[in-house]
């Protein structure tokens, strides 16, 4: 679906008006659930569009047959940055014939495998690049990039990490019946 700048403004205007009048209405909790089934080293996540089975990266002993959660994080950045760039380009009236979004992240697997306690666990650097097919002037592209960076949810979440918490709710396995007393 191709939208003009006016179409996008018309689509978003009632939402913006509501959020100005009722700021609490703009705060939405997104959720995701992973399912730990079976004996393997996998977690299945229902994305709402497809079921994705994540597993260990080959650098940590995985087969490479499942998705790597690190790649999924980079995928989320590429998707969010691409959608945001498209929306910003539309709002600014910048014509894009197409393009690609590239993400790369550097990991030192010694950290996640516990080989070196001083090695970082997680990405130490993430790079985002756009290759755009456009006739836009350099100043327009600079504005496009600046606003994409500012409004991309995943980019901003990585740049300014939110408060993160972890809780556990453990349910004991169903109790086995007690063995019958030995009445010899």
Protein backbone atom coordinates (compact mmCIF):
# COMPACT_ATOMS: atom_id res chain seq x y z
CA UNK A 1 0.00 0.00 0.00
CA UNK A 2 1.52 3.31 -1.08
CA UNK A 3 0.65 6.33 1.02
CA UNK A 4 1.18 9.98 0.22
CA UNK A 5 2.30 12.40 2.92
CA UNK A 6 -1.31 13.62 3.15
CA UNK A 7 -2.62 10.05 3.47
CA UNK A 8 -0.13 9.33 6.26
CA UNK A 9 -1.04 12.54 8.10
CA UNK A 10 -4.76 11.73 7.77
CA UNK A 11 -4.16 8.20 9.06
CA UNK A 12 -2.15 9.37 12.06
CA UNK A 13 -3.99 12.63 12.91
CA UNK A 14 -6.76 11.04 15.02
CA UNK A 15 -4.18 8.97 16.91
CA UNK A 16 -2.00 12.01 17.61
CA UNK A 17 -5.04 14.03 18.71
CA UNK A 18 -6.12 11.27 21.09
CA UNK A 19 -2.63 10.86 22.54
CA UNK A 20 -2.37 14.62 23.13
CA UNK A 21 -5.74 14.63 24.90
CA UNK A 22 -5.19 11.32 26.72
CA UNK A 23 -1.45 10.66 27.19
CA UNK A 24 -2.14 7.38 29.01
CA UNK A 25 -3.82 6.01 25.86
CA UNK A 26 -0.46 6.17 24.07
CA UNK A 27 1.22 3.80 26.54
CA UNK A 28 0.81 0.25 25.28
CA UNK A 29 2.50 -2.90 26.53
CA UNK A 30 3.71 -5.16 23.73
CA UNK A 31 4.22 -8.82 24.60
CA UNK A 32 5.95 -11.88 23.27
CA UNK A 33 5.82 -15.45 24.54
CA UNK A 34 8.36 -18.18 23.92
CA UNK A 35 7.50 -21.83 24.38
CA UNK A 36 10.07 -24.24 25.86
CA UNK A 37 8.97 -27.65 24.66
CA UNK A 38 10.67 -30.99 24.43
CA UNK A 39 14.25 -31.86 25.10
CA UNK A 40 16.11 -29.66 22.60
CA UNK A 41 17.89 -26.35 23.05
CA UNK A 42 15.11 -24.37 21.38
CA UNK A 43 12.47 -21.79 22.17
CA UNK A 44 9.50 -21.29 19.84
CA UNK A 45 8.17 -17.76 19.46
CA UNK A 46 4.88 -16.95 17.79
CA UNK A 47 5.48 -13.63 16.02
CA UNK A 48 1.83 -13.24 15.08
CA UNK A 49 2.79 -13.89 11.45
CA UNK A 50 4.89 -17.02 11.78
CA UNK A 51 6.21 -19.44 14.35
CA UNK A 52 9.96 -19.00 14.75
CA UNK A 53 12.09 -21.65 16.42
CA UNK A 54 15.20 -20.14 17.98
CA UNK A 55 18.20 -22.21 18.92
CA UNK A 56 21.88 -22.01 19.67
CA UNK A 57 24.11 -20.21 17.17
CA UNK A 58 26.65 -22.55 15.54
CA UNK A 59 29.42 -20.66 17.37
CA UNK A 60 27.90 -21.98 20.63
CA UNK A 61 27.25 -25.54 19.44
CA UNK A 62 23.99 -25.07 17.53
CA UNK A 63 23.21 -26.76 14.25
CA UNK A 64 22.30 -23.54 12.44
CA UNK A 65 18.88 -25.00 11.59
CA UNK A 66 17.08 -22.70 14.03
CA UNK A 67 16.99 -18.92 14.12
CA UNK A 68 19.61 -17.22 16.25
CA UNK A 69 18.14 -14.75 18.74
CA UNK A 70 21.06 -12.38 18.10
CA UNK A 71 20.15 -12.35 14.41
CA UNK A 72 16.51 -11.85 15.38
CA UNK A 73 17.53 -8.73 17.33
CA UNK A 74 19.32 -7.42 14.24
CA UNK A 75 16.27 -8.38 12.14
CA UNK A 76 14.06 -6.35 14.49
CA UNK A 77 16.38 -3.35 14.11
CA UNK A 78 16.41 -3.66 10.31
CA UNK A 79 12.61 -3.99 10.18
CA UNK A 80 11.93 -1.08 12.53
CA UNK A 81 14.51 1.19 10.90
CA UNK A 82 13.19 0.34 7.44
CA UNK A 83 9.55 1.04 8.35
CA UNK A 84 10.52 4.23 10.18
CA UNK A 85 12.65 5.43 7.26
CA UNK A 86 9.75 4.80 4.85
CA UNK A 87 7.32 6.71 7.09
CA UNK A 88 9.71 9.63 7.54
CA UNK A 89 10.46 9.75 3.80
CA UNK A 90 6.73 9.81 3.10
CA UNK A 91 6.10 12.57 5.66
CA UNK A 92 8.95 14.67 4.23
CA UNK A 93 7.94 14.02 0.62
CA UNK A 94 11.24 12.33 -0.19
CA UNK A 95 10.88 9.89 -3.05
CA UNK A 96 12.39 6.46 -2.49
CA UNK A 97 12.36 4.01 -5.37
CA UNK A 98 13.72 1.32 -3.07
CA UNK A 99 16.74 0.38 -1.06
CA UNK A 100 18.08 -2.03 1.50
CA UNK A 101 18.62 -1.94 5.23
CA UNK A 102 21.73 -3.67 6.57
CA UNK A 103 22.49 -4.51 10.19
CA UNK A 104 25.63 -6.06 11.60
CA UNK A 105 26.57 -6.87 15.17
CA UNK A 106 29.82 -7.99 16.74
CA UNK A 107 29.76 -10.75 19.39
CA UNK A 108 32.58 -12.40 21.30
CA UNK A 109 31.26 -15.88 22.02
CA UNK A 110 33.83 -16.40 24.78
CA UNK A 111 31.53 -14.28 26.96
CA UNK A 112 28.32 -16.22 26.45
CA UNK A 113 30.13 -19.57 26.74
CA UNK A 114 31.86 -18.53 29.97
CA UNK A 115 35.33 -19.07 28.48
CA UNK A 116 36.57 -15.62 29.51
CA UNK A 117 34.84 -13.80 32.36
CA UNK A 118 36.15 -10.47 31.01
CA UNK A 119 34.65 -11.00 27.55
CA UNK A 120 31.34 -9.20 27.02
CA UNK A 121 28.12 -11.20 26.88
CA UNK A 122 26.13 -9.61 24.09
CA UNK A 123 26.82 -7.31 21.21
CA UNK A 124 29.78 -4.99 21.59
CA UNK A 125 28.94 -3.03 18.43
CA UNK A 126 25.93 -2.80 16.13
CA UNK A 127 25.99 -1.08 12.75
CA UNK A 128 22.99 0.03 10.72
CA UNK A 129 23.30 1.09 7.07
CA UNK A 130 20.81 2.16 4.43
CA UNK A 131 21.52 1.81 0.73
CA UNK A 132 18.87 4.03 -0.86
CA UNK A 133 17.67 4.40 -4.42
CA UNK A 134 16.67 8.06 -4.41
CA UNK A 135 17.31 11.38 -6.12
CA UNK A 136 17.02 13.24 -2.79
CA UNK A 137 19.57 15.95 -2.07
CA UNK A 138 22.23 15.40 0.59
CA UNK A 139 20.40 17.71 3.02
CA UNK A 140 17.16 15.76 2.61
CA UNK A 141 18.97 12.48 3.19
CA UNK A 142 20.62 13.92 6.31
CA UNK A 143 17.17 14.92 7.65
CA UNK A 144 15.78 11.52 6.74
CA UNK A 145 18.54 9.71 8.64
CA UNK A 146 18.35 12.05 11.65
CA UNK A 147 14.58 11.61 12.00
CA UNK A 148 14.72 7.86 11.35
CA UNK A 149 17.28 7.50 14.14
CA UNK A 150 15.14 9.68 16.43
CA UNK A 151 11.86 7.83 15.85
CA UNK A 152 12.97 4.20 15.35
CA UNK A 153 11.78 2.35 18.46
CA UNK A 154 14.33 -0.47 18.29
CA UNK A 155 17.25 1.88 17.54
CA UNK A 156 16.33 4.11 20.48
CA UNK A 157 15.81 1.10 22.77
CA UNK A 158 19.31 -0.13 21.97
CA UNK A 159 20.82 3.36 22.22
CA UNK A 160 19.10 4.10 25.54
CA UNK A 161 18.36 0.78 27.22
CA UNK A 162 15.17 0.67 29.28
CA UNK A 163 14.91 -0.63 32.81
CA UNK A 164 15.14 -4.38 32.48
CA UNK A 165 13.90 -6.94 34.96
CA UNK A 166 13.73 -10.71 35.15
CA UNK A 167 11.37 -12.76 37.29
CA UNK A 168 10.79 -16.48 37.59
CA UNK A 169 7.63 -18.35 38.42
CA UNK A 170 8.40 -22.04 38.90
CA UNK A 171 5.64 -24.58 39.19
CA UNK A 172 6.61 -27.88 40.76
CA UNK A 173 6.08 -30.98 38.70
CA UNK A 174 2.96 -32.95 39.56
CA UNK A 175 3.74 -34.95 42.65
CA UNK A 176 4.19 -38.64 42.04
CA UNK A 177 2.06 -40.84 44.26
CA UNK A 178 3.95 -41.96 47.32
CA UNK A 179 5.14 -45.53 47.08
CA UNK A 180 2.95 -47.99 48.91
CA UNK A 181 4.37 -48.95 52.26
CA UNK A 182 6.22 -52.24 52.28
CA UNK A 183 4.04 -54.61 54.38
CA UNK A 184 6.15 -57.73 54.44
